[in-house]
Every structure is written in structure tokens, then in C-alpha cells.
Amino acid sequence: MEVRGPVERHAAAVFGPDTGRAAVTFLGTEQIEVLRFGPDRDGFVRYLSLGMSTEPMTAAASAVRDPAGPRAELVLSLRGRRDSVLRRLAVLAAIPVVDGRPISPGAALDLGEPLWDGAPFTAVLVGEPGGLIPDLELPAPAAPVRFLPLLPMTANEAAFKRVHGPETLHQRWLAAGTDLRDPTRREVDLRM
């Protein structure tokens, strides 16, 4: 089933035409592209993976791939361009194929290096889909493609999330009025 074309058209219908792209191929995998959209009127740039949804996500322990299994793409929203994130976002989008680990809301993904050059963030929290870009329905039996927002986390915020869970970290961000799209934001107060 051809998924890339419909995903790209769906994203362009929401964000307008892409303003740049990069492609990365990992050994034994199909190419993953990352598209840049914007900046928009408000200065926001959206980075979207393209290729993660080509196959349904399947756990490494599964003997067969379920054609109705979950499909997703990753979306990172930032105030201003940080194009060095392109390759790193492709690395995150390759996790389901390379590591056999499906990605779902509430998961933490850690690169072990800055998300973009000079970033204070090395990890992301996977948010709930549907807010920024709606799901893309595919012909049965395929599951719809969900667009999972990525929320940058510092190493300390990622550790806090592991101990206290994603909801507690979200509450900290909300209470502090944290703009998670600000690439220069400070770490939220994590004291209990």
C-alpha cells in the first residue's frame, strides 16, 4: 500500500507546501524523510517524519506483522528553524523498524545527544495525536496514520518522567506556563 504520498498531501493540506526536506536511510530499512513546513505567520516551524508509517508498527517479539497494526508519523513544532534536527528526527522515526519498538503517546525517546545543535534537550515525550494534525484514514485493513507530537525534554525532565510518569511532568509544564515550542526554554522546576 502506498502511504507516503497520501501522508505528504495530508500534511501539506494542514501546513501548506514543505519548505525543505532531508532523507536518511538506515541499514535494512526504507528511507525516512523529514519535511520542514514554515515558518508560518507566528514563526512556528513544523518538522514531520515521512516514511515511519509505511509499515505498521510491530513489537520485535511478534512473529508476523499485523497489517492493521498502528501507523504513525512524528511532528516536532518549534519557534524558528533548527534544521540540524532533521537527521535526529529521522533516527527517532526509525525506532519502530530498527529496534522493533512501537511508539505511542506517553513514551519517552532519548537520543543521548542534543535534538539539534546546541539544544538543551536530549529526549522527547510523545504527546497525544489529533490536536495539530488529524489522523489520516487509510483503506481497510490498515489503521489510520496518527501524527504524534514530540515534546522536547531535558535529561532531568526525562528522568522525572520515568519516576513520576508523563502526566505529572505535563502538570509541571502547565503549572509553569511552559512553552514547549520554545527551543531556548528553561528546564521546569522538578522539586517535589
C-alpha atoms as a PDB file:
ATOM      1  CA  MET A   1       0.000   0.000   0.000  1.00  0.00           C
ATOM      2  CA  GLU A   2       1.321   3.448  -0.928  1.00  0.00           C
ATOM      3  CA  VAL A   3       1.301   5.576   2.217  1.00  0.00           C
ATOM      4  CA  ARG A   4       3.980   8.252   1.672  1.00  0.00           C
ATOM      5  CA  GLY A   5       2.069  10.204  -0.973  1.00  0.00           C
ATOM      6  CA  PRO A   6      -1.181  10.417   0.999  1.00  0.00           C
ATOM      7  CA  VAL A   7       0.719  11.364   4.199  1.00  0.00           C
ATOM      8  CA  GLU A   8       2.626  14.123   2.414  1.00  0.00           C
ATOM      9  CA  ARG A   9      -0.546  15.516   0.780  1.00  0.00           C
ATOM     10  CA  HIS A  10      -2.394  15.346   4.121  1.00  0.00           C
ATOM     11  CA  ALA A  11       0.376  17.293   5.893  1.00  0.00           C
ATOM     12  CA  ALA A  12       0.545  19.863   3.081  1.00  0.00           C
ATOM     13  CA  ALA A  13      -3.227  20.393   3.345  1.00  0.00           C
ATOM     14  CA  VAL A  14      -2.727  21.376   7.002  1.00  0.00           C
ATOM     15  CA  PHE A  15       0.629  23.213   6.911  1.00  0.00           C
ATOM     16  CA  GLY A  16       0.971  24.309   3.270  1.00  0.00           C
ATOM     17  CA  PRO A  17       3.811  23.208   0.988  1.00  0.00           C
ATOM     18  CA  ASP A  18       7.016  21.986   2.605  1.00  0.00           C
ATOM     19  CA  THR A  19       9.935  24.431   2.691  1.00  0.00           C
ATOM     20  CA  GLY A  20      12.698  21.846   2.901  1.00  0.00           C
ATOM     21  CA  ARG A  21      13.436  18.181   3.415  1.00  0.00           C
ATOM     22  CA  ALA A  22      16.173  15.707   4.184  1.00  0.00           C
ATOM     23  CA  ALA A  23      16.351  11.936   3.757  1.00  0.00           C
ATOM     24  CA  VAL A  24      18.177   9.295   5.776  1.00  0.00           C
ATOM     25  CA  THR A  25      18.462   5.573   5.099  1.00  0.00           C
ATOM     26  CA  PHE A  26      19.379   3.162   7.874  1.00  0.00           C
ATOM     27  CA  LEU A  27      20.815  -0.264   7.117  1.00  0.00           C
ATOM     28  CA  GLY A  28      17.995  -2.685   6.343  1.00  0.00           C
ATOM     29  CA  THR A  29      15.265  -0.031   6.333  1.00  0.00           C
ATOM     30  CA  GLU A  30      13.408   2.094   3.841  1.00  0.00           C
ATOM     31  CA  GLN A  31      14.322   5.752   3.536  1.00  0.00           C
ATOM     32  CA  ILE A  32      12.948   8.113   6.169  1.00  0.00           C
ATOM     33  CA  GLU A  33      12.424  11.708   5.112  1.00  0.00           C
ATOM     34  CA  VAL A  34      11.848  14.684   7.352  1.00  0.00           C
ATOM     35  CA  LEU A  35       9.862  17.559   5.899  1.00  0.00           C
ATOM     36  CA  ARG A  36      10.053  21.141   7.137  1.00  0.00           C
ATOM     37  CA  PHE A  37       6.956  23.333   6.989  1.00  0.00           C
ATOM     38  CA  GLY A  38       7.132  27.044   7.683  1.00  0.00           C
ATOM     39  CA  PRO A  39       7.863  29.252   9.395  1.00  0.00           C
ATOM     40  CA  ASP A  40       4.202  30.218   9.494  1.00  0.00           C
ATOM     41  CA  ARG A  41       2.779  33.684  10.321  1.00  0.00           C
ATOM     42  CA  ASP A  42       3.537  33.138  14.004  1.00  0.00           C
ATOM     43  CA  GLY A  43       7.112  31.982  13.400  1.00  0.00           C
ATOM     44  CA  PHE A  44       6.469  28.285  14.059  1.00  0.00           C
ATOM     45  CA  VAL A  45       8.272  25.618  12.062  1.00  0.00           C
ATOM     46  CA  ARG A  46       6.917  22.056  11.890  1.00  0.00           C
ATOM     47  CA  TYR A  47       9.215  19.111  11.249  1.00  0.00           C
ATOM     48  CA  LEU A  48       7.379  15.971  10.132  1.00  0.00           C
ATOM     49  CA  SER A  49       8.736  12.474   9.565  1.00  0.00           C
ATOM     50  CA  LEU A  50       7.722  10.775   6.340  1.00  0.00           C
ATOM     51  CA  GLY A  51       8.197   7.023   5.971  1.00  0.00           C
ATOM     52  CA  MET A  52       7.641   5.782   9.522  1.00  0.00           C
ATOM     53  CA  SER A  53       4.021   4.910   8.638  1.00  0.00           C
ATOM     54  CA  THR A  54       4.967   2.883   5.551  1.00  0.00           C
ATOM     55  CA  GLU A  55       4.712  -0.295   7.640  1.00  0.00           C
ATOM     56  CA  PRO A  56       2.562  -0.918  10.730  1.00  0.00           C
ATOM     57  CA  MET A  57       4.499  -0.808  13.992  1.00  0.00           C
ATOM     58  CA  THR A  58       5.137  -4.271  15.359  1.00  0.00           C
ATOM     59  CA  ALA A  59       6.948  -5.348  18.523  1.00  0.00           C
ATOM     60  CA  ALA A  60      10.220  -7.221  17.958  1.00  0.00           C
ATOM     61  CA  ALA A  61       8.791 -10.301  19.693  1.00  0.00           C
ATOM     62  CA  SER A  62       5.948 -10.638  17.163  1.00  0.00           C
ATOM     63  CA  ALA A  63       6.406 -13.359  14.568  1.00  0.00           C
ATOM     64  CA  VAL A  64       4.234 -11.610  11.956  1.00  0.00           C
ATOM     65  CA  ARG A  65       3.421  -8.038  11.062  1.00  0.00           C
ATOM     66  CA  ASP A  66      -0.267  -7.202  11.518  1.00  0.00           C
ATOM     67  CA  PRO A  67      -1.451  -5.112   8.529  1.00  0.00           C
ATOM     68  CA  ALA A  68      -3.977  -3.467  10.860  1.00  0.00           C
ATOM     69  CA  GLY A  69      -1.249  -2.551  13.363  1.00  0.00           C
ATOM     70  CA  PRO A  70      -0.694   1.076  14.389  1.00  0.00           C
ATOM     71  CA  ARG A  71       0.892   3.541  11.970  1.00  0.00           C
ATOM     72  CA  ALA A  72       2.307   6.922  12.883  1.00  0.00           C
ATOM     73  CA  GLU A  73       4.491   9.842  11.906  1.00  0.00           C
ATOM     74  CA  LEU A  74       6.290  12.231  14.266  1.00  0.00           C
ATOM     75  CA  VAL A  75       5.769  16.002  14.398  1.00  0.00           C
ATOM     76  CA  LEU A  76       8.048  18.491  16.159  1.00  0.00           C
ATOM     77  CA  SER A  77       6.939  22.126  16.432  1.00  0.00           C
ATOM     78  CA  LEU A  78       9.493  24.821  17.216  1.00  0.00           C
ATOM     79  CA  ARG A  79       9.587  28.582  17.254  1.00  0.00           C
ATOM     80  CA  GLY A  80      12.091  29.278  14.463  1.00  0.00           C
ATOM     81  CA  ARG A  81      14.217  26.967  12.334  1.00  0.00           C
ATOM     82  CA  ARG A  82      16.527  24.358  13.829  1.00  0.00           C
ATOM     83  CA  ASP A  83      17.339  22.333  10.727  1.00  0.00           C
ATOM     84  CA  SER A  84      20.021  20.242  12.423  1.00  0.00           C
ATOM     85  CA  VAL A  85      17.052  18.349  13.935  1.00  0.00           C
ATOM     86  CA  LEU A  86      16.280  16.758  10.558  1.00  0.00           C
ATOM     87  CA  ARG A  87      18.623  13.760  10.850  1.00  0.00           C
ATOM     88  CA  ARG A  88      17.905  13.283  14.555  1.00  0.00           C
ATOM     89  CA  LEU A  89      14.168  13.214  13.947  1.00  0.00           C
ATOM     90  CA  ALA A  90      14.745  10.559  11.280  1.00  0.00           C
ATOM     91  CA  VAL A  91      16.622   8.492  13.881  1.00  0.00           C
ATOM     92  CA  LEU A  92      13.587   8.668  16.189  1.00  0.00           C
ATOM     93  CA  ALA A  93      11.224   7.763  13.325  1.00  0.00           C
ATOM     94  CA  ALA A  94      13.319   4.662  12.562  1.00  0.00           C
ATOM     95  CA  ILE A  95      12.931   3.235  16.100  1.00  0.00           C
ATOM     96  CA  PRO A  96       9.894   1.007  15.265  1.00  0.00           C
ATOM     97  CA  VAL A  97      11.786  -0.737  12.440  1.00  0.00           C
ATOM     98  CA  VAL A  98      15.347  -0.690  13.781  1.00  0.00           C
ATOM     99  CA  ASP A  99      14.535  -1.534  17.418  1.00  0.00           C
ATOM    100  CA  GLY A 100      11.185  -3.292  16.920  1.00  0.00           C
ATOM    101  CA  ARG A 101       9.653  -0.903  19.434  1.00  0.00           C
ATOM    102  CA  PRO A 102       6.274   0.703  18.626  1.00  0.00           C
ATOM    103  CA  ILE A 103       5.972   4.375  19.573  1.00  0.00           C
ATOM    104  CA  SER A 104       2.846   5.532  21.399  1.00  0.00           C
ATOM    105  CA  PRO A 105       1.676   8.542  23.434  1.00  0.00           C
ATOM    106  CA  GLY A 106       3.393   8.822  26.820  1.00  0.00           C
ATOM    107  CA  ALA A 107       6.616   7.185  25.613  1.00  0.00           C
ATOM    108  CA  ALA A 108       9.961   8.862  26.134  1.00  0.00           C
ATOM    109  CA  LEU A 109      12.531   8.666  23.342  1.00  0.00           C
ATOM    110  CA  ASP A 110      16.110   9.565  24.241  1.00  0.00           C
ATOM    111  CA  LEU A 111      18.751  10.300  21.621  1.00  0.00           C
ATOM    112  CA  GLY A 112      21.629  10.635  24.090  1.00  0.00           C
ATOM    113  CA  GLU A 113      22.695  13.756  22.189  1.00  0.00           C
ATOM    114  CA  PRO A 114      21.124  17.203  21.634  1.00  0.00           C
ATOM    115  CA  LEU A 115      17.974  17.151  19.491  1.00  0.00           C
ATOM    116  CA  TRP A 116      19.514  19.911  17.371  1.00  0.00           C
ATOM    117  CA  ASP A 117      22.882  21.651  17.504  1.00  0.00           C
ATOM    118  CA  GLY A 118      23.205  23.416  20.856  1.00  0.00           C
ATOM    119  CA  ALA A 119      19.861  22.164  22.207  1.00  0.00           C
ATOM    120  CA  PRO A 120      19.473  21.628  25.966  1.00  0.00           C
ATOM    121  CA  PHE A 121      17.129  18.721  25.125  1.00  0.00           C
ATOM    122  CA  THR A 122      18.253  15.143  24.502  1.00  0.00           C
ATOM    123  CA  ALA A 123      14.867  13.424  24.734  1.00  0.00           C
ATOM    124  CA  VAL A 124      11.245  13.872  23.737  1.00  0.00           C
ATOM    125  CA  LEU A 125       7.943  12.934  25.297  1.00  0.00           C
ATOM    126  CA  VAL A 126       5.470  11.575  22.756  1.00  0.00           C
ATOM    127  CA  GLY A 127       2.214  13.502  23.029  1.00  0.00           C
ATOM    128  CA  GLU A 128      -1.366  12.631  22.160  1.00  0.00           C
ATOM    129  CA  PRO A 129      -2.287  12.816  18.460  1.00  0.00           C
ATOM    130  CA  GLY A 130      -5.138  14.760  16.917  1.00  0.00           C
ATOM    131  CA  GLY A 131      -4.533  18.287  18.145  1.00  0.00           C
ATOM    132  CA  LEU A 132      -2.273  19.714  15.471  1.00  0.00           C
ATOM    133  CA  ILE A 133      -2.975  17.431  12.535  1.00  0.00           C
ATOM    134  CA  PRO A 134      -5.873  14.968  12.309  1.00  0.00           C
ATOM    135  CA  ASP A 135      -5.421  11.252  11.699  1.00  0.00           C
ATOM    136  CA  LEU A 136      -5.202  10.129   8.080  1.00  0.00           C
ATOM    137  CA  GLU A 137      -7.637   7.325   7.270  1.00  0.00           C
ATOM    138  CA  LEU A 138      -6.246   4.544   5.057  1.00  0.00           C
ATOM    139  CA  PRO A 139      -8.117   1.779   3.198  1.00  0.00           C
ATOM    140  CA  ALA A 140      -9.009  -1.242   5.349  1.00  0.00           C
ATOM    141  CA  PRO A 141      -7.490  -3.226   6.930  1.00  0.00           C
ATOM    142  CA  ALA A 142      -4.801  -0.575   7.552  1.00  0.00           C
ATOM    143  CA  ALA A 143      -5.069   1.510  10.698  1.00  0.00           C
ATOM    144  CA  PRO A 144      -5.151   5.288  10.278  1.00  0.00           C
ATOM    145  CA  VAL A 145      -1.873   7.179  10.359  1.00  0.00           C
ATOM    146  CA  ARG A 146      -1.616   9.105  13.631  1.00  0.00           C
ATOM    147  CA  PHE A 147       0.577  12.208  13.870  1.00  0.00           C
ATOM    148  CA  LEU A 148       2.356  12.105  17.214  1.00  0.00           C
ATOM    149  CA  PRO A 149       3.639  15.423  18.576  1.00  0.00           C
ATOM    150  CA  LEU A 150       7.087  15.396  20.174  1.00  0.00           C
ATOM    151  CA  LEU A 151       7.693  17.480  23.295  1.00  0.00           C
ATOM    152  CA  PRO A 152      11.396  18.194  23.938  1.00  0.00           C
ATOM    153  CA  MET A 153      12.686  17.219  27.406  1.00  0.00           C
ATOM    154  CA  THR A 154      15.922  17.891  29.216  1.00  0.00           C
ATOM    155  CA  ALA A 155      17.757  14.904  30.726  1.00  0.00           C
ATOM    156  CA  ASN A 156      16.385  15.828  34.176  1.00  0.00           C
ATOM    157  CA  GLU A 157      12.819  16.132  32.851  1.00  0.00           C
ATOM    158  CA  ALA A 158      13.179  12.720  31.185  1.00  0.00           C
ATOM    159  CA  ALA A 159      14.375  11.217  34.494  1.00  0.00           C
ATOM    160  CA  PHE A 160      11.458  12.876  36.313  1.00  0.00           C
ATOM    161  CA  LYS A 161       9.045  11.400  33.753  1.00  0.00           C
ATOM    162  CA  ARG A 162      10.490   7.892  34.292  1.00  0.00           C
ATOM    163  CA  VAL A 163       9.901   8.139  38.042  1.00  0.00           C
ATOM    164  CA  HIS A 164       6.634  10.090  38.208  1.00  0.00           C
ATOM    165  CA  GLY A 165       5.003   9.426  34.823  1.00  0.00           C
ATOM    166  CA  PRO A 166       4.124  11.628  31.861  1.00  0.00           C
ATOM    167  CA  GLU A 167       1.006  13.180  33.431  1.00  0.00           C
ATOM    168  CA  THR A 168       2.944  14.537  36.400  1.00  0.00           C
ATOM    169  CA  LEU A 169       5.509  16.092  34.065  1.00  0.00           C
ATOM    170  CA  HIS A 170       2.706  17.586  31.953  1.00  0.00           C
ATOM    171  CA  GLN A 171       1.217  19.104  35.097  1.00  0.00           C
ATOM    172  CA  ARG A 172       4.583  20.699  35.940  1.00  0.00           C
ATOM    173  CA  TRP A 173       4.824  22.182  32.457  1.00  0.00           C
ATOM    174  CA  LEU A 174       1.245  23.503  32.625  1.00  0.00           C
ATOM    175  CA  ALA A 175       1.651  24.984  36.102  1.00  0.00           C
ATOM    176  CA  ALA A 176       4.803  26.813  34.989  1.00  0.00           C
ATOM    177  CA  GLY A 177       3.216  28.028  31.726  1.00  0.00           C
ATOM    178  CA  THR A 178       5.991  26.294  29.764  1.00  0.00           C
ATOM    179  CA  ASP A 179       6.060  26.926  26.014  1.00  0.00           C
ATOM    180  CA  LEU A 180       7.273  23.547  24.764  1.00  0.00           C
ATOM    181  CA  ARG A 181       7.811  25.002  21.283  1.00  0.00           C
ATOM    182  CA  ASP A 182      10.438  27.439  22.585  1.00  0.00           C
ATOM    183  CA  PRO A 183      13.835  25.983  21.598  1.00  0.00           C
ATOM    184  CA  THR A 184      15.577  28.031  24.307  1.00  0.00           C
ATOM    185  CA  ARG A 185      13.180  27.371  27.186  1.00  0.00           C
ATOM    186  CA  ARG A 186      14.492  26.626  30.646  1.00  0.00           C
ATOM    187  CA  GLU A 187      14.000  23.348  32.442  1.00  0.00           C
ATOM    188  CA  VAL A 188      10.854  23.300  34.568  1.00  0.00           C
ATOM    189  CA  ASP A 189      11.194  23.199  38.374  1.00  0.00           C
ATOM    190  CA  LEU A 190      11.207  19.475  39.266  1.00  0.00           C
ATOM    191  CA  ARG A 191      11.458  19.730  43.063  1.00  0.00           C
ATOM    192  CA  MET A 192       8.819  17.715  44.885  1.00  0.00           C
END
